[in-house]
Amino acid sequence: GLHWGLYNTMDPAAVLACHEELTKLAAE
């Protein structure tokens, strides 16, 4: 299962790291 919203409370650092990766992929 994947409930993404749960990462905001359980592992917010992972959300930030993911955003940095997505930003990089978008720039490329």
mmCIF file of all heavy atoms, coordinates in Angstrom:
data_MODEL
# 
_entry.id   MODEL 
# 
loop_
_atom_site.group_PDB 
_atom_site.id 
_atom_site.type_symbol 
_atom_site.label_atom_id 
_atom_site.label_alt_id 
_atom_site.label_comp_id 
_atom_site.label_asym_id 
_atom_site.label_entity_id 
_atom_site.label_seq_id 
_atom_site.pdbx_PDB_ins_code 
_atom_site.Cartn_x 
_atom_site.Cartn_y 
_atom_site.Cartn_z 
_atom_site.occupancy 
_atom_site.B_iso_or_equiv 
_atom_site.pdbx_formal_charge 
_atom_site.auth_seq_id 
_atom_site.auth_comp_id 
_atom_site.auth_asym_id 
_atom_site.auth_atom_id 
_atom_site.pdbx_PDB_model_num 
ATOM 1   N N   . GLY A 1 1  ? 0.825  -1.204 0.000   1.00 0.00 ? 1  GLY A N   1 
ATOM 2   C CA  . GLY A 1 1  ? 0.000  0.000  0.000   1.00 0.00 ? 1  GLY A CA  1 
ATOM 3   C C   . GLY A 1 1  ? 0.856  1.249  0.000   1.00 0.00 ? 1  GLY A C   1 
ATOM 4   O O   . GLY A 1 1  ? 2.002  1.235  0.456   1.00 0.00 ? 1  GLY A O   1 
ATOM 5   N N   . LEU A 1 2  ? 0.287  2.327  -0.516  1.00 0.00 ? 2  LEU A N   1 
ATOM 6   C CA  . LEU A 1 2  ? 0.997  3.603  -0.522  1.00 0.00 ? 2  LEU A CA  1 
ATOM 7   C C   . LEU A 1 2  ? 0.036  4.710  -0.131  1.00 0.00 ? 2  LEU A C   1 
ATOM 8   O O   . LEU A 1 2  ? -0.866 5.077  -0.896  1.00 0.00 ? 2  LEU A O   1 
ATOM 9   C CB  . LEU A 1 2  ? 1.615  3.870  -1.906  1.00 0.00 ? 2  LEU A CB  1 
ATOM 10  C CG  . LEU A 1 2  ? 2.571  5.056  -2.072  1.00 0.00 ? 2  LEU A CG  1 
ATOM 11  C CD1 . LEU A 1 2  ? 1.854  6.394  -2.186  1.00 0.00 ? 2  LEU A CD1 1 
ATOM 12  C CD2 . LEU A 1 2  ? 3.565  5.129  -0.903  1.00 0.00 ? 2  LEU A CD2 1 
ATOM 13  N N   . HIS A 1 3  ? 0.210  5.216  1.084   1.00 0.00 ? 3  HIS A N   1 
ATOM 14  C CA  . HIS A 1 3  ? -0.532 6.397  1.546   1.00 0.00 ? 3  HIS A CA  1 
ATOM 15  C C   . HIS A 1 3  ? 0.507  7.494  1.731   1.00 0.00 ? 3  HIS A C   1 
ATOM 16  O O   . HIS A 1 3  ? 1.141  7.601  2.781   1.00 0.00 ? 3  HIS A O   1 
ATOM 17  C CB  . HIS A 1 3  ? -1.260 6.097  2.856   1.00 0.00 ? 3  HIS A CB  1 
ATOM 18  C CG  . HIS A 1 3  ? -1.946 7.287  3.451   1.00 0.00 ? 3  HIS A CG  1 
ATOM 19  N ND1 . HIS A 1 3  ? -2.326 7.349  4.771   1.00 0.00 ? 3  HIS A ND1 1 
ATOM 20  C CD2 . HIS A 1 3  ? -2.319 8.468  2.904   1.00 0.00 ? 3  HIS A CD2 1 
ATOM 21  C CE1 . HIS A 1 3  ? -2.891 8.510  5.012   1.00 0.00 ? 3  HIS A CE1 1 
ATOM 22  N NE2 . HIS A 1 3  ? -2.893 9.212  3.898   1.00 0.00 ? 3  HIS A NE2 1 
ATOM 23  N N   . TRP A 1 4  ? 0.700  8.302  0.683   1.00 0.00 ? 4  TRP A N   1 
ATOM 24  C CA  . TRP A 1 4  ? 1.787  9.278  0.707   1.00 0.00 ? 4  TRP A CA  1 
ATOM 25  C C   . TRP A 1 4  ? 1.651  10.269 1.859   1.00 0.00 ? 4  TRP A C   1 
ATOM 26  O O   . TRP A 1 4  ? 2.647  10.653 2.492   1.00 0.00 ? 4  TRP A O   1 
ATOM 27  C CB  . TRP A 1 4  ? 1.854  10.046 -0.624  1.00 0.00 ? 4  TRP A CB  1 
ATOM 28  C CG  . TRP A 1 4  ? 2.803  11.197 -0.529  1.00 0.00 ? 4  TRP A CG  1 
ATOM 29  C CD1 . TRP A 1 4  ? 4.162  11.144 -0.516  1.00 0.00 ? 4  TRP A CD1 1 
ATOM 30  C CD2 . TRP A 1 4  ? 2.462  12.574 -0.353  1.00 0.00 ? 4  TRP A CD2 1 
ATOM 31  N NE1 . TRP A 1 4  ? 4.690  12.406 -0.365  1.00 0.00 ? 4  TRP A NE1 1 
ATOM 32  C CE2 . TRP A 1 4  ? 3.660  13.294 -0.260  1.00 0.00 ? 4  TRP A CE2 1 
ATOM 33  C CE3 . TRP A 1 4  ? 1.244  13.269 -0.273  1.00 0.00 ? 4  TRP A CE3 1 
ATOM 34  C CZ2 . TRP A 1 4  ? 3.691  14.683 -0.088  1.00 0.00 ? 4  TRP A CZ2 1 
ATOM 35  C CZ3 . TRP A 1 4  ? 1.269  14.641 -0.111  1.00 0.00 ? 4  TRP A CZ3 1 
ATOM 36  C CH2 . TRP A 1 4  ? 2.483  15.330 -0.021  1.00 0.00 ? 4  TRP A CH2 1 
ATOM 37  N N   . GLY A 1 5  ? 0.428  10.699 2.153   1.00 0.00 ? 5  GLY A N   1 
ATOM 38  C CA  . GLY A 1 5  ? 0.244  11.712 3.189   1.00 0.00 ? 5  GLY A CA  1 
ATOM 39  C C   . GLY A 1 5  ? 0.839  11.312 4.529   1.00 0.00 ? 5  GLY A C   1 
ATOM 40  O O   . GLY A 1 5  ? 1.231  12.178 5.324   1.00 0.00 ? 5  GLY A O   1 
ATOM 41  N N   . LEU A 1 6  ? 0.946  10.017 4.779   1.00 0.00 ? 6  LEU A N   1 
ATOM 42  C CA  . LEU A 1 6  ? 1.476  9.546  6.053   1.00 0.00 ? 6  LEU A CA  1 
ATOM 43  C C   . LEU A 1 6  ? 2.947  9.911  6.223   1.00 0.00 ? 6  LEU A C   1 
ATOM 44  O O   . LEU A 1 6  ? 3.427  10.078 7.351   1.00 0.00 ? 6  LEU A O   1 
ATOM 45  C CB  . LEU A 1 6  ? 1.279  8.033  6.147   1.00 0.00 ? 6  LEU A CB  1 
ATOM 46  C CG  . LEU A 1 6  ? 1.264  7.397  7.531   1.00 0.00 ? 6  LEU A CG  1 
ATOM 47  C CD1 . LEU A 1 6  ? 0.204  8.036  8.418   1.00 0.00 ? 6  LEU A CD1 1 
ATOM 48  C CD2 . LEU A 1 6  ? 1.015  5.899  7.410   1.00 0.00 ? 6  LEU A CD2 1 
ATOM 49  N N   . TYR A 1 7  ? 3.663  10.033 5.105   1.00 0.00 ? 7  TYR A N   1 
ATOM 50  C CA  . TYR A 1 7  ? 5.077  10.406 5.198   1.00 0.00 ? 7  TYR A CA  1 
ATOM 51  C C   . TYR A 1 7  ? 5.251  11.822 5.749   1.00 0.00 ? 7  TYR A C   1 
ATOM 52  O O   . TYR A 1 7  ? 6.291  12.144 6.331   1.00 0.00 ? 7  TYR A O   1 
ATOM 53  C CB  . TYR A 1 7  ? 5.752  10.288 3.836   1.00 0.00 ? 7  TYR A CB  1 
ATOM 54  C CG  . TYR A 1 7  ? 6.012  8.864  3.420   1.00 0.00 ? 7  TYR A CG  1 
ATOM 55  C CD1 . TYR A 1 7  ? 5.112  8.187  2.597   1.00 0.00 ? 7  TYR A CD1 1 
ATOM 56  C CD2 . TYR A 1 7  ? 7.144  8.182  3.847   1.00 0.00 ? 7  TYR A CD2 1 
ATOM 57  C CE1 . TYR A 1 7  ? 5.343  6.871  2.217   1.00 0.00 ? 7  TYR A CE1 1 
ATOM 58  C CE2 . TYR A 1 7  ? 7.379  6.863  3.475   1.00 0.00 ? 7  TYR A CE2 1 
ATOM 59  C CZ  . TYR A 1 7  ? 6.465  6.217  2.663   1.00 0.00 ? 7  TYR A CZ  1 
ATOM 60  O OH  . TYR A 1 7  ? 6.692  4.910  2.296   1.00 0.00 ? 7  TYR A OH  1 
ATOM 61  N N   . ASN A 1 8  ? 4.250  12.676 5.564   1.00 0.00 ? 8  ASN A N   1 
ATOM 62  C CA  . ASN A 1 8  ? 4.348  14.041 6.079   1.00 0.00 ? 8  ASN A CA  1 
ATOM 63  C C   . ASN A 1 8  ? 4.470  14.071 7.600   1.00 0.00 ? 8  ASN A C   1 
ATOM 64  O O   . ASN A 1 8  ? 5.101  14.970 8.156   1.00 0.00 ? 8  ASN A O   1 
ATOM 65  C CB  . ASN A 1 8  ? 3.125  14.858 5.641   1.00 0.00 ? 8  ASN A CB  1 
ATOM 66  C CG  . ASN A 1 8  ? 3.212  15.281 4.191   1.00 0.00 ? 8  ASN A CG  1 
ATOM 67  O OD1 . ASN A 1 8  ? 4.167  15.921 3.781   1.00 0.00 ? 8  ASN A OD1 1 
ATOM 68  N ND2 . ASN A 1 8  ? 2.219  14.907 3.396   1.00 0.00 ? 8  ASN A ND2 1 
ATOM 69  N N   . THR A 1 9  ? 3.871  13.076 8.254   1.00 0.00 ? 9  THR A N   1 
ATOM 70  C CA  . THR A 1 9  ? 3.954  13.028 9.712   1.00 0.00 ? 9  THR A CA  1 
ATOM 71  C C   . THR A 1 9  ? 5.002  12.025 10.194  1.00 0.00 ? 9  THR A C   1 
ATOM 72  O O   . THR A 1 9  ? 5.656  12.257 11.202  1.00 0.00 ? 9  THR A O   1 
ATOM 73  C CB  . THR A 1 9  ? 2.591  12.652 10.315  1.00 0.00 ? 9  THR A CB  1 
ATOM 74  O OG1 . THR A 1 9  ? 2.112  11.441 9.712   1.00 0.00 ? 9  THR A OG1 1 
ATOM 75  C CG2 . THR A 1 9  ? 1.567  13.744 10.057  1.00 0.00 ? 9  THR A CG2 1 
ATOM 76  N N   . MET A 1 10 ? 5.177  10.919 9.465   1.00 0.00 ? 10 MET A N   1 
ATOM 77  C CA  . MET A 1 10 ? 6.085  9.873  9.913   1.00 0.00 ? 10 MET A CA  1 
ATOM 78  C C   . MET A 1 10 ? 7.537  10.098 9.478   1.00 0.00 ? 10 MET A C   1 
ATOM 79  O O   . MET A 1 10 ? 8.470  9.675  10.161  1.00 0.00 ? 10 MET A O   1 
ATOM 80  C CB  . MET A 1 10 ? 5.603  8.509  9.408   1.00 0.00 ? 10 MET A CB  1 
ATOM 81  C CG  . MET A 1 10 ? 4.199  8.145  9.840   1.00 0.00 ? 10 MET A CG  1 
ATOM 82  S SD  . MET A 1 10 ? 4.034  8.018  11.644  1.00 0.00 ? 10 MET A SD  1 
ATOM 83  C CE  . MET A 1 10 ? 5.009  6.552  11.975  1.00 0.00 ? 10 MET A CE  1 
ATOM 84  N N   . ASP A 1 11 ? 7.731  10.734 8.319   1.00 0.00 ? 11 ASP A N   1 
ATOM 85  C CA  . ASP A 1 11 ? 9.086  10.916 7.805   1.00 0.00 ? 11 ASP A CA  1 
ATOM 86  C C   . ASP A 1 11 ? 9.152  12.150 6.910   1.00 0.00 ? 11 ASP A C   1 
ATOM 87  O O   . ASP A 1 11 ? 9.396  12.050 5.700   1.00 0.00 ? 11 ASP A O   1 
ATOM 88  C CB  . ASP A 1 11 ? 9.513  9.668  7.024   1.00 0.00 ? 11 ASP A CB  1 
ATOM 89  C CG  . ASP A 1 11 ? 11.014 9.635  6.738   1.00 0.00 ? 11 ASP A CG  1 
ATOM 90  O OD1 . ASP A 1 11 ? 11.705 10.624 7.049   1.00 0.00 ? 11 ASP A OD1 1 
ATOM 91  O OD2 . ASP A 1 11 ? 11.493 8.627  6.190   1.00 0.00 ? 11 ASP A OD2 1 
ATOM 92  N N   . PRO A 1 12 ? 8.940  13.345 7.473   1.00 0.00 ? 12 PRO A N   1 
ATOM 93  C CA  . PRO A 1 12 ? 8.925  14.563 6.650   1.00 0.00 ? 12 PRO A CA  1 
ATOM 94  C C   . PRO A 1 12 ? 10.241 14.827 5.933   1.00 0.00 ? 12 PRO A C   1 
ATOM 95  O O   . PRO A 1 12 ? 10.248 15.435 4.856   1.00 0.00 ? 12 PRO A O   1 
ATOM 96  C CB  . PRO A 1 12 ? 8.605  15.680 7.655   1.00 0.00 ? 12 PRO A CB  1 
ATOM 97  C CG  . PRO A 1 12 ? 8.929  15.101 8.997   1.00 0.00 ? 12 PRO A CG  1 
ATOM 98  C CD  . PRO A 1 12 ? 8.667  13.644 8.895   1.00 0.00 ? 12 PRO A CD  1 
ATOM 99  N N   . ALA A 1 13 ? 11.344 14.357 6.474   1.00 0.00 ? 13 ALA A N   1 
ATOM 100 C CA  . ALA A 1 13 ? 12.634 14.548 5.801   1.00 0.00 ? 13 ALA A CA  1 
ATOM 101 C C   . ALA A 1 13 ? 12.646 13.823 4.458   1.00 0.00 ? 13 ALA A C   1 
ATOM 102 O O   . ALA A 1 13 ? 13.267 14.299 3.492   1.00 0.00 ? 13 ALA A O   1 
ATOM 103 C CB  . ALA A 1 13 ? 13.772 14.053 6.686   1.00 0.00 ? 13 ALA A CB  1 
ATOM 104 N N   . ALA A 1 14 ? 11.963 12.692 4.387   1.00 0.00 ? 14 ALA A N   1 
ATOM 105 C CA  . ALA A 1 14 ? 11.903 11.937 3.137   1.00 0.00 ? 14 ALA A CA  1 
ATOM 106 C C   . ALA A 1 14 ? 11.094 12.693 2.084   1.00 0.00 ? 14 ALA A C   1 
ATOM 107 O O   . ALA A 1 14 ? 11.405 12.633 0.888   1.00 0.00 ? 14 ALA A O   1 
ATOM 108 C CB  . ALA A 1 14 ? 11.289 10.558 3.375   1.00 0.00 ? 14 ALA A CB  1 
ATOM 109 N N   . VAL A 1 15 ? 10.069 13.420 2.509   1.00 0.00 ? 15 VAL A N   1 
ATOM 110 C CA  . VAL A 1 15 ? 9.270  14.232 1.583   1.00 0.00 ? 15 VAL A CA  1 
ATOM 111 C C   . VAL A 1 15 ? 10.129 15.336 0.989   1.00 0.00 ? 15 VAL A C   1 
ATOM 112 O O   . VAL A 1 15 ? 10.085 15.601 -0.220  1.00 0.00 ? 15 VAL A O   1 
ATOM 113 C CB  . VAL A 1 15 ? 8.038  14.817 2.301   1.00 0.00 ? 15 VAL A CB  1 
ATOM 114 C CG1 . VAL A 1 15 ? 7.288  15.783 1.393   1.00 0.00 ? 15 VAL A CG1 1 
ATOM 115 C CG2 . VAL A 1 15 ? 7.111  13.693 2.764   1.00 0.00 ? 15 VAL A CG2 1 
ATOM 116 N N   . LEU A 1 16 ? 10.930 15.985 1.816   1.00 0.00 ? 16 LEU A N   1 
ATOM 117 C CA  . LEU A 1 16 ? 11.816 17.040 1.338   1.00 0.00 ? 16 LEU A CA  1 
ATOM 118 C C   . LEU A 1 16 ? 12.854 16.487 0.373   1.00 0.00 ? 16 LEU A C   1 
ATOM 119 O O   . LEU A 1 16 ? 13.112 17.071 -0.693  1.00 0.00 ? 16 LEU A O   1 
ATOM 120 C CB  . LEU A 1 16 ? 12.503 17.725 2.514   1.00 0.00 ? 16 LEU A CB  1 
ATOM 121 C CG  . LEU A 1 16 ? 13.505 18.833 2.158   1.00 0.00 ? 16 LEU A CG  1 
ATOM 122 C CD1 . LEU A 1 16 ? 12.826 19.929 1.348   1.00 0.00 ? 16 LEU A CD1 1 
ATOM 123 C CD2 . LEU A 1 16 ? 14.133 19.403 3.435   1.00 0.00 ? 16 LEU A CD2 1 
ATOM 124 N N   . ALA A 1 17 ? 13.431 15.341 0.710   1.00 0.00 ? 17 ALA A N   1 
ATOM 125 C CA  . ALA A 1 17 ? 14.430 14.719 -0.164  1.00 0.00 ? 17 ALA A CA  1 
ATOM 126 C C   . ALA A 1 17 ? 13.807 14.336 -1.502  1.00 0.00 ? 17 ALA A C   1 
ATOM 127 O O   . ALA A 1 17 ? 14.434 14.495 -2.560  1.00 0.00 ? 17 ALA A O   1 
ATOM 128 C CB  . ALA A 1 17 ? 15.036 13.498 0.510   1.00 0.00 ? 17 ALA A CB  1 
ATOM 129 N N   . CYS A 1 18 ? 12.573 13.849 -1.463  1.00 0.00 ? 18 CYS A N   1 
ATOM 130 C CA  . CYS A 1 18 ? 11.871 13.501 -2.691  1.00 0.00 ? 18 CYS A CA  1 
ATOM 131 C C   . CYS A 1 18 ? 11.635 14.742 -3.538  1.00 0.00 ? 18 CYS A C   1 
ATOM 132 O O   . CYS A 1 18 ? 11.820 14.715 -4.765  1.00 0.00 ? 18 CYS A O   1 
ATOM 133 C CB  . CYS A 1 18 ? 10.550 12.818 -2.361  1.00 0.00 ? 18 CYS A CB  1 
ATOM 134 S SG  . CYS A 1 18 ? 9.562  12.400 -3.818  1.00 0.00 ? 18 CYS A SG  1 
ATOM 135 N N   . HIS A 1 19 ? 11.243 15.843 -2.912  1.00 0.00 ? 19 HIS A N   1 
ATOM 136 C CA  . HIS A 1 19 ? 11.015 17.078 -3.662  1.00 0.00 ? 19 HIS A CA  1 
ATOM 137 C C   . HIS A 1 19 ? 12.288 17.548 -4.351  1.00 0.00 ? 19 HIS A C   1 
ATOM 138 O O   . HIS A 1 19 ? 12.245 18.015 -5.504  1.00 0.00 ? 19 HIS A O   1 
ATOM 139 C CB  . HIS A 1 19 ? 10.493 18.181 -2.741  1.00 0.00 ? 19 HIS A CB  1 
ATOM 140 C CG  . HIS A 1 19 ? 10.255 19.483 -3.450  1.00 0.00 ? 19 HIS A CG  1 
ATOM 141 N ND1 . HIS A 1 19 ? 9.271  19.637 -4.402  1.00 0.00 ? 19 HIS A ND1 1 
ATOM 142 C CD2 . HIS A 1 19 ? 10.889 20.685 -3.370  1.00 0.00 ? 19 HIS A CD2 1 
ATOM 143 C CE1 . HIS A 1 19 ? 9.301  20.866 -4.869  1.00 0.00 ? 19 HIS A CE1 1 
ATOM 144 N NE2 . HIS A 1 19 ? 10.274 21.517 -4.257  1.00 0.00 ? 19 HIS A NE2 1 
ATOM 145 N N   . GLU A 1 20 ? 13.400 17.410 -3.672  1.00 0.00 ? 20 GLU A N   1 
ATOM 146 C CA  . GLU A 1 20 ? 14.682 17.795 -4.276  1.00 0.00 ? 20 GLU A CA  1 
ATOM 147 C C   . GLU A 1 20 ? 14.989 16.925 -5.495  1.00 0.00 ? 20 GLU A C   1 
ATOM 148 O O   . GLU A 1 20 ? 15.479 17.421 -6.519  1.00 0.00 ? 20 GLU A O   1 
ATOM 149 C CB  . GLU A 1 20 ? 15.800 17.697 -3.240  1.00 0.00 ? 20 GLU A CB  1 
ATOM 150 C CG  . GLU A 1 20 ? 15.670 18.728 -2.125  1.00 0.00 ? 20 GLU A CG  1 
ATOM 151 C CD  . GLU A 1 20 ? 16.673 18.525 -1.004  1.00 0.00 ? 20 GLU A CD  1 
ATOM 152 O OE1 . GLU A 1 20 ? 17.359 17.473 -1.005  1.00 0.00 ? 20 GLU A OE1 1 
ATOM 153 O OE2 . GLU A 1 20 ? 16.757 19.397 -0.122  1.00 0.00 ? 20 GLU A OE2 1 
ATOM 154 N N   . GLU A 1 21 ? 14.679 15.637 -5.407  1.00 0.00 ? 21 GLU A N   1 
ATOM 155 C CA  . GLU A 1 21 ? 14.886 14.732 -6.542  1.00 0.00 ? 21 GLU A CA  1 
ATOM 156 C C   . GLU A 1 21 ? 13.938 15.074 -7.695  1.00 0.00 ? 21 GLU A C   1 
ATOM 157 O O   . GLU A 1 21 ? 14.341 15.088 -8.861  1.00 0.00 ? 21 GLU A O   1 
ATOM 158 C CB  . GLU A 1 21 ? 14.675 13.285 -6.096  1.00 0.00 ? 21 GLU A CB  1 
ATOM 159 C CG  . GLU A 1 21 ? 14.789 12.250 -7.200  1.00 0.00 ? 21 GLU A CG  1 
ATOM 160 C CD  . GLU A 1 21 ? 16.174 12.151 -7.817  1.00 0.00 ? 21 GLU A CD  1 
ATOM 161 O OE1 . GLU A 1 21 ? 17.163 12.624 -7.194  1.00 0.00 ? 21 GLU A OE1 1 
ATOM 162 O OE2 . GLU A 1 21 ? 16.271 11.606 -8.940  1.00 0.00 ? 21 GLU A OE2 1 
ATOM 163 N N   . LEU A 1 22 ? 12.674 15.364 -7.368  1.00 0.00 ? 22 LEU A N   1 
ATOM 164 C CA  . LEU A 1 22 ? 11.712 15.726 -8.401  1.00 0.00 ? 22 LEU A CA  1 
ATOM 165 C C   . LEU A 1 22 ? 12.092 17.035 -9.081  1.00 0.00 ? 22 LEU A C   1 
ATOM 166 O O   . LEU A 1 22 ? 11.941 17.187 -10.300 1.00 0.00 ? 22 LEU A O   1 
ATOM 167 C CB  . LEU A 1 22 ? 10.308 15.833 -7.801  1.00 0.00 ? 22 LEU A CB  1 
ATOM 168 C CG  . LEU A 1 22 ? 9.688  14.544 -7.267  1.00 0.00 ? 22 LEU A CG  1 
ATOM 169 C CD1 . LEU A 1 22 ? 8.351  14.828 -6.605  1.00 0.00 ? 22 LEU A CD1 1 
ATOM 170 C CD2 . LEU A 1 22 ? 9.524  13.509 -8.378  1.00 0.00 ? 22 LEU A CD2 1 
ATOM 171 N N   . THR A 1 23 ? 12.581 17.990 -8.300  1.00 0.00 ? 23 THR A N   1 
ATOM 172 C CA  . THR A 1 23 ? 13.021 19.264 -8.864  1.00 0.00 ? 23 THR A CA  1 
ATOM 173 C C   . THR A 1 23 ? 14.170 19.053 -9.838  1.00 0.00 ? 23 THR A C   1 
ATOM 174 O O   . THR A 1 23 ? 14.217 19.656 -10.925 1.00 0.00 ? 23 THR A O   1 
ATOM 175 C CB  . THR A 1 23 ? 13.447 20.224 -7.741  1.00 0.00 ? 23 THR A CB  1 
ATOM 176 O OG1 . THR A 1 23 ? 12.322 20.477 -6.880  1.00 0.00 ? 23 THR A OG1 1 
ATOM 177 C CG2 . THR A 1 23 ? 13.950 21.555 -8.297  1.00 0.00 ? 23 THR A CG2 1 
ATOM 178 N N   . LYS A 1 24 ? 15.081 18.169 -9.473  1.00 0.00 ? 24 LYS A N   1 
ATOM 179 C CA  . LYS A 1 24 ? 16.209 17.845 -10.349 1.00 0.00 ? 24 LYS A CA  1 
ATOM 180 C C   . LYS A 1 24 ? 15.725 17.187 -11.636 1.00 0.00 ? 24 LYS A C   1 
ATOM 181 O O   . LYS A 1 24 ? 16.165 17.553 -12.739 1.00 0.00 ? 24 LYS A O   1 
ATOM 182 C CB  . LYS A 1 24 ? 17.179 16.916 -9.614  1.00 0.00 ? 24 LYS A CB  1 
ATOM 183 C CG  . LYS A 1 24 ? 18.356 16.436 -10.446 1.00 0.00 ? 24 LYS A CG  1 
ATOM 184 C CD  . LYS A 1 24 ? 19.206 15.440 -9.663  1.00 0.00 ? 24 LYS A CD  1 
ATOM 185 C CE  . LYS A 1 24 ? 20.314 14.856 -10.532 1.00 0.00 ? 24 LYS A CE  1 
ATOM 186 N NZ  . LYS A 1 24 ? 21.097 13.813 -9.795  1.00 0.00 ? 24 LYS A NZ  1 
ATOM 187 N N   . LEU A 1 25 ? 14.815 16.223 -11.512 1.00 0.00 ? 25 LEU A N   1 
ATOM 188 C CA  . LEU A 1 25 ? 14.290 15.536 -12.688 1.00 0.00 ? 25 LEU A CA  1 
ATOM 189 C C   . LEU A 1 25 ? 13.533 16.501 -13.601 1.00 0.00 ? 25 LEU A C   1 
ATOM 190 O O   . LEU A 1 25 ? 13.607 16.406 -14.832 1.00 0.00 ? 25 LEU A O   1 
ATOM 191 C CB  . LEU A 1 25 ? 13.379 14.386 -12.263 1.00 0.00 ? 25 LEU A CB  1 
ATOM 192 C CG  . LEU A 1 25 ? 14.065 13.180 -11.620 1.00 0.00 ? 25 LEU A CG  1 
ATOM 193 C CD1 . LEU A 1 25 ? 13.021 12.208 -11.072 1.00 0.00 ? 25 LEU A CD1 1 
ATOM 194 C CD2 . LEU A 1 25 ? 14.967 12.459 -12.628 1.00 0.00 ? 25 LEU A CD2 1 
ATOM 195 N N   . ALA A 1 26 ? 12.806 17.444 -12.996 1.00 0.00 ? 26 ALA A N   1 
ATOM 196 C CA  . ALA A 1 26 ? 12.078 18.437 -13.791 1.00 0.00 ? 26 ALA A CA  1 
ATOM 197 C C   . ALA A 1 26 ? 13.049 19.345 -14.540 1.00 0.00 ? 26 ALA A C   1 
ATOM 198 O O   . ALA A 1 26 ? 12.835 19.678 -15.714 1.00 0.00 ? 26 ALA A O   1 
ATOM 199 C CB  . ALA A 1 26 ? 11.158 19.265 -12.897 1.00 0.00 ? 26 ALA A CB  1 
ATOM 200 N N   . ALA A 1 27 ? 14.128 19.746 -13.877 1.00 0.00 ? 27 ALA A N   1 
ATOM 201 C CA  . ALA A 1 27 ? 15.131 20.611 -14.512 1.00 0.00 ? 27 ALA A CA  1 
ATOM 202 C C   . ALA A 1 27 ? 15.806 19.897 -15.679 1.00 0.00 ? 27 ALA A C   1 
ATOM 203 O O   . ALA A 1 27 ? 16.175 20.524 -16.683 1.00 0.00 ? 27 ALA A O   1 
ATOM 204 C CB  . ALA A 1 27 ? 16.164 21.048 -13.486 1.00 0.00 ? 27 ALA A CB  1 
ATOM 205 N N   . GLU A 1 28 ? 15.948 18.583 -15.569 1.00 0.00 ? 28 GLU A N   1 
ATOM 206 C CA  . GLU A 1 28 ? 16.578 17.786 -16.630 1.00 0.00 ? 28 GLU A CA  1 
ATOM 207 C C   . GLU A 1 28 ? 15.604 17.465 -17.760 1.00 0.00 ? 28 GLU A C   1 
ATOM 208 O O   . GLU A 1 28 ? 16.015 16.943 -18.805 1.00 0.00 ? 28 GLU A O   1 
ATOM 209 C CB  . GLU A 1 28 ? 17.107 16.475 -16.042 1.00 0.00 ? 28 GLU A CB  1 
ATOM 210 C CG  . GLU A 1 28 ? 18.246 16.657 -15.042 1.00 0.00 ? 28 GLU A CG  1 
ATOM 211 C CD  . GLU A 1 28 ? 18.598 15.367 -14.324 1.00 0.00 ? 28 GLU A CD  1 
ATOM 212 O OE1 . GLU A 1 28 ? 17.820 14.387 -14.468 1.00 0.00 ? 28 GLU A OE1 1 
ATOM 213 O OE2 . GLU A 1 28 ? 19.631 15.329 -13.631 1.00 0.00 ? 28 GLU A OE2 1 
# 
